[in-house]
Amino acid sequence: MSLRFSLAKAAGAVSTWGLRHVARRPAANLPGKIALAIDPSLLDELRGKCAQGSVITVGTNGKTSTNNLLADAFEAAGRTIICNRTGANLAAGISSALLQQPTAQWGVFECDELWLAHVLPRLRSNYVLLLNLFRDQLDRCGEIDRIQTSIAGALAASPDTVLVYNADDPLCARIADEVPNRTVAYGLDESMGLAQNTVTDAQMCQKCDGMVRYHYRQYGQLGDYFCDQCDFARPTLDFAGRDITITPAGVTMEICGPAGCESVHTPQPTPYAAYNLVAAYALCREVGISTADFQRAQDAFNPRNGRLQRYRLGGRDVLLNLAKNPTGFNQNLKIVEADQGPKMVAFFINDQVADGHDISWIWDIDFEELAGQPGTVVFAGGSRAHDLAVRLKYAGIEAAVIENIEDAFSRLGALVAAGTLPADAAVYAIANYTALPPVHAALNAMEAAEPAVAPAPTPAPIAEAAGASAAPTSCHPERSAEGAEPKDPATSEPSATPASLASEESPEPPVIIAHMLPDLLNLYGDGGNVRILEQRLRWRGIPVEVRRIQHGEAVDFSQVDLVFMGGGPDREQKLASEQLLAMRDELAVYVEGDGPLLAICGGYQILGRQWLWGDELVPGLGLIDMETRRPGTSADRLIDNMVLESPLATHPVVGYENHAGRTYLGEGVEGFGRVVSSCGHGNNDDDRVEGARYKNVVGTYSHGPLLSKKPEVADWLLACALERRAERTGTPAADLAPLDDSAELAANASMVKRLS
């Protein structure tokens, strides 16, 4: 035992005592962080505290629940454990658990995906349980292939570790294909018959340039997949779930493994609980835990950590759950949607470091599934409540902004008193990572106060103050400037509302929007821009048709009024660029004919003469005189919030950038805007210019999506599209009536204030 290790242990013990007994805090991370700073090889020394070995659970969704279930199963089998049950899953959290808990037979740990490379080579765990890989925290984690490479590297550095992996996930299967470790594949051997969501995270084959196909798909990219251009397909399952039944009482299935088939059950009634069930079962059978012990742990499992935690408060059922990415949120919406009764739903989104500062992903959540459900009241909370309210607005859901869950219950009390909702209306609270603990604590406090519940105070008004932003009358900024000044929201004439305009029918031809290659270019929720453009036309009673041009499909740009191109992961972006290059001449005619085009991130780079694929320069479309280069390595990214001044908007333009390429504009190409905030960079490290404008083309690195807080820019593009439609069809250009943009402008103002 080295002196450094002894000092690290002592520092961990002292900090643990101080945090627990003086600061009254859980001491989940800081003791380990201090100890690792003193002795970076701490985990090598602590590995011996787990006499028989350790298990690490890793993956995007379900780590904490599955890890705690495994811990319960190990204990039900009479095995002593060390476990980081609180979800502190970086090296510091695992170190804290090892420092604070007595020597045991097994270590049962969850680990962050990117931290596995730091933890596994030191712990040399017997097993790694890989649950799934979904797009999550792109500003911290980057594209999924970076996570795949990191996990594969961790396993290669610990070759005796057995990988138990979700073979229904092609992203996990690729890792299993690449590593030298022994692997154990689990999955579900039949379809659960689930409705599919709009966006998935792996539509391209993991071995070639083909597209993934499915015999059946469960959710996200999970399912029985194959590629019709190579031999990539779901591998043979070592543990296969069959005869799956999902009821309000939970999930029951038969799992067939090397020793035969056995029936198991979990009281959690969700499709992702089915995957957690077969994953935990496979791991437990690998380490010799009997099915009886495993089922006993399942029956008694009550995490009480805010994950699918149920309450009974004030005579109504309350469900709290974590959701931190599109896939997690979409599965939560399935739970809410299944409840056909009256209910209140409160969503909470924060953007702290642990959540990821970029929340563009909320536009890949299918909130539309809640629209039109009778007796459903929705609230938006968290530090990005205003952005969430805008997203819900474009899903057809009116959501008031709330301060906290107590505020939501207060407003619920007023709705009950007014007869809008019954007293026993169910409550659903869904929060991302850092938003969850305060909601959890508040609900626990309410539960502790039962049955004596004080009358709810008089709530603040649910309706927000109305406001409107002016719609440009022309797609040419100089023409708009010659007209009236933009209307002030407080003095403008009554604006058109979605209710009054969406139902109007018109004989005029639709505005045609071409959404280019959404199956490849869908990384940052930027497809939300298309949703915004479409809705802003529908709300005005203007017919619109969105044509989603998938990989391999053609489009006649002469019959298109507006084009949108997003960004994608490197492999998908390269495949998209090859298809776009084949359309280059037609696109050039469209652009030179003043066709409006909005391009974000990778789509923006492709418009120039060259762009970067990894570290390789590849030809672009050459539609704009610009090029993209990269200094240093691909890890040298420009990532931050930013505020712009743009000639296309009277309000500031707020967005989020995340790009490695540095773009430089040629002569005669103007920027979309100039970065005026202290944070953010723009096109490159040098000139504070962001994006590009050429004719009616706008290119930008601004995610958010760009148009979610910029209704003026959205309406400028729509004015251009209406002019093109008029030229294309001979239909007179329609006026863009003002809309109530109070939600968009509130989200804009909230972020501008934060970034000032």
Foldseek 3Di string as FASTA:
>chain_A
DDPLLVVLLVQLVVVCCCCCPPVVHRSQFVSLVSSCVSPVLNLLVLLVLQPQFEEEEEEDPDQLVLLVLLCQLCVLLVWDEQELNLPPAASRRLSSSSSPDGRTNYYRYYHYLLRLLSNCLRNLGQEYQYQAYFDAQCVPQNARVSSLVNNLNSCQSNQNHEYEYALQYQSGVVSVVPHNHHYAYEYAPDEPPDDEADDARAQAHPPDRFGKDAPYAHYRSGHFIAGPVDGDTRDDHQWYWPPWDADCQFIWTWIQHPVGIDIATARHRFPSVVSSLSSSVVVCVVVPRDPVSSRVSRVPDASLNQAQHWAQFQNAIEGGHEDQAQRRLQRVVVVVLVPLAAAEEEEEEEPDPVRHNAPLRVLSHQLLSVAPRPNYAYAAEYLLRLLVQLSVVLSNHHYFYDHAVLLVVLVVLVCCVVVSHPSHHYYYYYYYDVNRVVNSVVVVVSRVCPPDDDRRDHHDDRDDDWFWWAFALALDLVVSVVDDDIDGRVPDDDFQEQVVALPDEDPDDAAEEEEEACNQFPNRNLCVLVSVLCSLCSSNNGHHDYHYAHPPGDDQLLRHLEYEEHHHALSSLVSSQVVVLVCLVRVLVCVVVLRAYEYADSRLQLCDQWEDRQQDIDGHSHSFDKHKHAPDHQVQWQWDWFWWDASLAPAIFIFIATGRIAMDHDPPKAARTFTDFPGGDARHNPDRGHWTDDRNYTYGNGPSPRCSLTVSNSSSNVNSSQVSSCVSPVDPRDGSTIYGCPSSPVSSVSVVVVRD
